[in-house]
Amino acid sequence: MSEITGTGPLKTVVHVEEVEQVEVAPGIVSRKVGITGHARGWLVDFAPGSEWPEIDVHATEERYYVLSGEVIEGEERHGAGTYVVFAPGSRHRPRSESGARLLGITVL
């Protein structure tokens, strides 16, 4: 048996397809799927041939899980089922040749 305690909302349920999409760049859309005082969740869809518009620099830790497709970071290819963690101060510029969907968490 588990117990959930706290002072604010203890659970948030998000139906991803109901969340507003924001175009990040041609062929890339993002949805904010949750935010707390500790982390921010997001879902990003890459169309085939799309690339993040600029180098993404992280002041805090960022993680993502590739749900489908393949993401390319420099010379590394991350397919579905891959979990990637970026340390604070890291930089990257993801792209996708085939299209991809990521579920990410940024630690605040």
C-alpha atoms as a PDB file:
ATOM      1  CA  MET A   1       0.000   0.000   0.000  1.00  0.00           C
ATOM      2  CA  SER A   2       1.314   3.453  -0.825  1.00  0.00           C
ATOM      3  CA  GLU A   3       0.359   6.836   0.511  1.00  0.00           C
ATOM      4  CA  ILE A   4       0.531  10.145  -1.357  1.00  0.00           C
ATOM      5  CA  THR A   5       1.006  13.271   0.726  1.00  0.00           C
ATOM      6  CA  GLY A   6       1.651  16.904  -0.109  1.00  0.00           C
ATOM      7  CA  THR A   7       0.236  20.406  -0.017  1.00  0.00           C
ATOM      8  CA  GLY A   8      -0.644  21.009  -3.679  1.00  0.00           C
ATOM      9  CA  PRO A   9      -2.330  18.960  -6.391  1.00  0.00           C
ATOM     10  CA  LEU A  10      -1.105  15.417  -5.890  1.00  0.00           C
ATOM     11  CA  LYS A  11      -1.754  14.172  -9.395  1.00  0.00           C
ATOM     12  CA  THR A  12      -2.169  15.683 -12.843  1.00  0.00           C
ATOM     13  CA  VAL A  13      -3.636  13.749 -15.754  1.00  0.00           C
ATOM     14  CA  VAL A  14      -2.937  15.049 -19.262  1.00  0.00           C
ATOM     15  CA  HIS A  15      -4.549  13.830 -22.477  1.00  0.00           C
ATOM     16  CA  VAL A  16      -1.679  14.640 -24.823  1.00  0.00           C
ATOM     17  CA  GLU A  17      -3.712  15.014 -28.004  1.00  0.00           C
ATOM     18  CA  GLU A  18      -5.811  17.707 -26.266  1.00  0.00           C
ATOM     19  CA  VAL A  19      -2.771  19.863 -25.418  1.00  0.00           C
ATOM     20  CA  GLU A  20      -2.110  22.836 -27.697  1.00  0.00           C
ATOM     21  CA  GLN A  21       0.754  22.338 -30.143  1.00  0.00           C
ATOM     22  CA  VAL A  22       3.390  25.031 -30.547  1.00  0.00           C
ATOM     23  CA  GLU A  23       5.491  25.089 -33.710  1.00  0.00           C
ATOM     24  CA  VAL A  24       9.165  25.162 -32.721  1.00  0.00           C
ATOM     25  CA  ALA A  25      10.443  25.133 -36.312  1.00  0.00           C
ATOM     26  CA  PRO A  26       9.123  23.887 -39.648  1.00  0.00           C
ATOM     27  CA  GLY A  27       8.236  20.233 -39.075  1.00  0.00           C
ATOM     28  CA  ILE A  28       8.666  20.316 -35.272  1.00  0.00           C
ATOM     29  CA  VAL A  29       5.824  20.785 -32.788  1.00  0.00           C
ATOM     30  CA  SER A  30       5.967  20.731 -29.005  1.00  0.00           C
ATOM     31  CA  ARG A  31       3.341  20.265 -26.310  1.00  0.00           C
ATOM     32  CA  LYS A  32       3.819  21.131 -22.627  1.00  0.00           C
ATOM     33  CA  VAL A  33       2.441  18.117 -20.791  1.00  0.00           C
ATOM     34  CA  GLY A  34       3.058  19.083 -17.201  1.00  0.00           C
ATOM     35  CA  ILE A  35       4.951  21.437 -14.951  1.00  0.00           C
ATOM     36  CA  THR A  36       5.621  21.402 -11.226  1.00  0.00           C
ATOM     37  CA  GLY A  37       8.034  23.298  -9.035  1.00  0.00           C
ATOM     38  CA  HIS A  38      10.617  20.606  -9.789  1.00  0.00           C
ATOM     39  CA  ALA A  39      10.264  19.590 -13.443  1.00  0.00           C
ATOM     40  CA  ARG A  40       8.628  20.375 -16.774  1.00  0.00           C
ATOM     41  CA  GLY A  41       7.318  17.671 -19.107  1.00  0.00           C
ATOM     42  CA  TRP A  42       7.028  18.038 -22.865  1.00  0.00           C
ATOM     43  CA  LEU A  43       6.265  16.009 -25.958  1.00  0.00           C
ATOM     44  CA  VAL A  44       7.977  16.850 -29.243  1.00  0.00           C
ATOM     45  CA  ASP A  45       7.102  15.548 -32.703  1.00  0.00           C
ATOM     46  CA  PHE A  46       9.730  15.753 -35.455  1.00  0.00           C
ATOM     47  CA  ALA A  47       8.587  15.413 -39.068  1.00  0.00           C
ATOM     48  CA  PRO A  48      10.966  13.558 -41.400  1.00  0.00           C
ATOM     49  CA  GLY A  49      13.909  15.794 -42.337  1.00  0.00           C
ATOM     50  CA  SER A  50      13.386  18.333 -39.542  1.00  0.00           C
ATOM     51  CA  GLU A  51      16.051  19.896 -37.316  1.00  0.00           C
ATOM     52  CA  TRP A  52      15.899  21.916 -34.083  1.00  0.00           C
ATOM     53  CA  PRO A  53      16.221  25.589 -35.090  1.00  0.00           C
ATOM     54  CA  GLU A  54      19.290  26.382 -32.953  1.00  0.00           C
ATOM     55  CA  ILE A  55      21.717  24.783 -30.516  1.00  0.00           C
ATOM     56  CA  ASP A  56      19.802  23.931 -27.339  1.00  0.00           C
ATOM     57  CA  VAL A  57      21.813  24.900 -24.226  1.00  0.00           C
ATOM     58  CA  HIS A  58      20.761  23.558 -20.822  1.00  0.00           C
ATOM     59  CA  ALA A  59      21.110  25.400 -17.529  1.00  0.00           C
ATOM     60  CA  THR A  60      19.568  22.366 -15.804  1.00  0.00           C
ATOM     61  CA  GLU A  61      19.345  18.649 -16.508  1.00  0.00           C
ATOM     62  CA  GLU A  62      17.208  17.506 -19.444  1.00  0.00           C
ATOM     63  CA  ARG A  63      16.111  13.979 -20.305  1.00  0.00           C
ATOM     64  CA  TYR A  64      14.089  12.461 -23.108  1.00  0.00           C
ATOM     65  CA  TYR A  65      12.747   9.083 -24.112  1.00  0.00           C
ATOM     66  CA  VAL A  66      12.335   8.309 -27.809  1.00  0.00           C
ATOM     67  CA  LEU A  67       8.792   6.966 -28.164  1.00  0.00           C
ATOM     68  CA  SER A  68       8.953   6.382 -31.910  1.00  0.00           C
ATOM     69  CA  GLY A  69      11.223   7.034 -34.867  1.00  0.00           C
ATOM     70  CA  GLU A  70      14.845   8.092 -34.569  1.00  0.00           C
ATOM     71  CA  VAL A  71      16.578  11.229 -33.288  1.00  0.00           C
ATOM     72  CA  ILE A  72      20.092  12.152 -34.417  1.00  0.00           C
ATOM     73  CA  GLU A  73      22.418  14.058 -32.071  1.00  0.00           C
ATOM     74  CA  GLY A  74      25.673  14.804 -33.894  1.00  0.00           C
ATOM     75  CA  GLU A  75      26.892  11.370 -35.046  1.00  0.00           C
ATOM     76  CA  GLU A  76      24.740   9.409 -32.562  1.00  0.00           C
ATOM     77  CA  ARG A  77      21.407   7.869 -33.538  1.00  0.00           C
ATOM     78  CA  HIS A  78      18.793   7.273 -30.849  1.00  0.00           C
ATOM     79  CA  GLY A  79      15.944   4.984 -31.863  1.00  0.00           C
ATOM     80  CA  ALA A  80      12.647   4.165 -30.198  1.00  0.00           C
ATOM     81  CA  GLY A  81      13.199   2.896 -26.670  1.00  0.00           C
ATOM     82  CA  THR A  82      16.309   5.031 -26.062  1.00  0.00           C
ATOM     83  CA  TYR A  83      16.563   7.208 -22.943  1.00  0.00           C
ATOM     84  CA  VAL A  84      18.953  10.179 -23.217  1.00  0.00           C
ATOM     85  CA  VAL A  85      20.124  12.395 -20.319  1.00  0.00           C
ATOM     86  CA  PHE A  86      21.876  15.762 -20.750  1.00  0.00           C
ATOM     87  CA  ALA A  87      23.786  17.261 -17.810  1.00  0.00           C
ATOM     88  CA  PRO A  88      23.489  20.930 -16.839  1.00  0.00           C
ATOM     89  CA  GLY A  89      25.660  23.010 -19.178  1.00  0.00           C
ATOM     90  CA  SER A  90      25.302  20.565 -22.084  1.00  0.00           C
ATOM     91  CA  ARG A  91      24.418  21.567 -25.645  1.00  0.00           C
ATOM     92  CA  HIS A  92      22.803  19.714 -28.518  1.00  0.00           C
ATOM     93  CA  ARG A  93      20.831  20.188 -31.722  1.00  0.00           C
ATOM     94  CA  PRO A  94      18.550  17.231 -32.452  1.00  0.00           C
ATOM     95  CA  ARG A  95      17.275  16.323 -35.887  1.00  0.00           C
ATOM     96  CA  SER A  96      15.420  13.455 -37.495  1.00  0.00           C
ATOM     97  CA  GLU A  97      15.621  11.948 -40.956  1.00  0.00           C
ATOM     98  CA  SER A  98      12.683   9.572 -40.459  1.00  0.00           C
ATOM     99  CA  GLY A  99      10.524  11.516 -37.990  1.00  0.00           C
ATOM    100  CA  ALA A 100      10.311  10.958 -34.239  1.00  0.00           C
ATOM    101  CA  ARG A 101       8.273  11.506 -31.086  1.00  0.00           C
ATOM    102  CA  LEU A 102      10.016  12.309 -27.778  1.00  0.00           C
ATOM    103  CA  LEU A 103       8.747  12.518 -24.225  1.00  0.00           C
ATOM    104  CA  GLY A 104      11.026  14.815 -22.261  1.00  0.00           C
ATOM    105  CA  ILE A 105      11.591  16.117 -18.775  1.00  0.00           C
ATOM    106  CA  THR A 106      13.509  19.246 -17.869  1.00  0.00           C
ATOM    107  CA  VAL A 107      14.568  19.362 -14.228  1.00  0.00           C
ATOM    108  CA  LEU A 108      14.067  22.846 -12.780  1.00  0.00           C
END
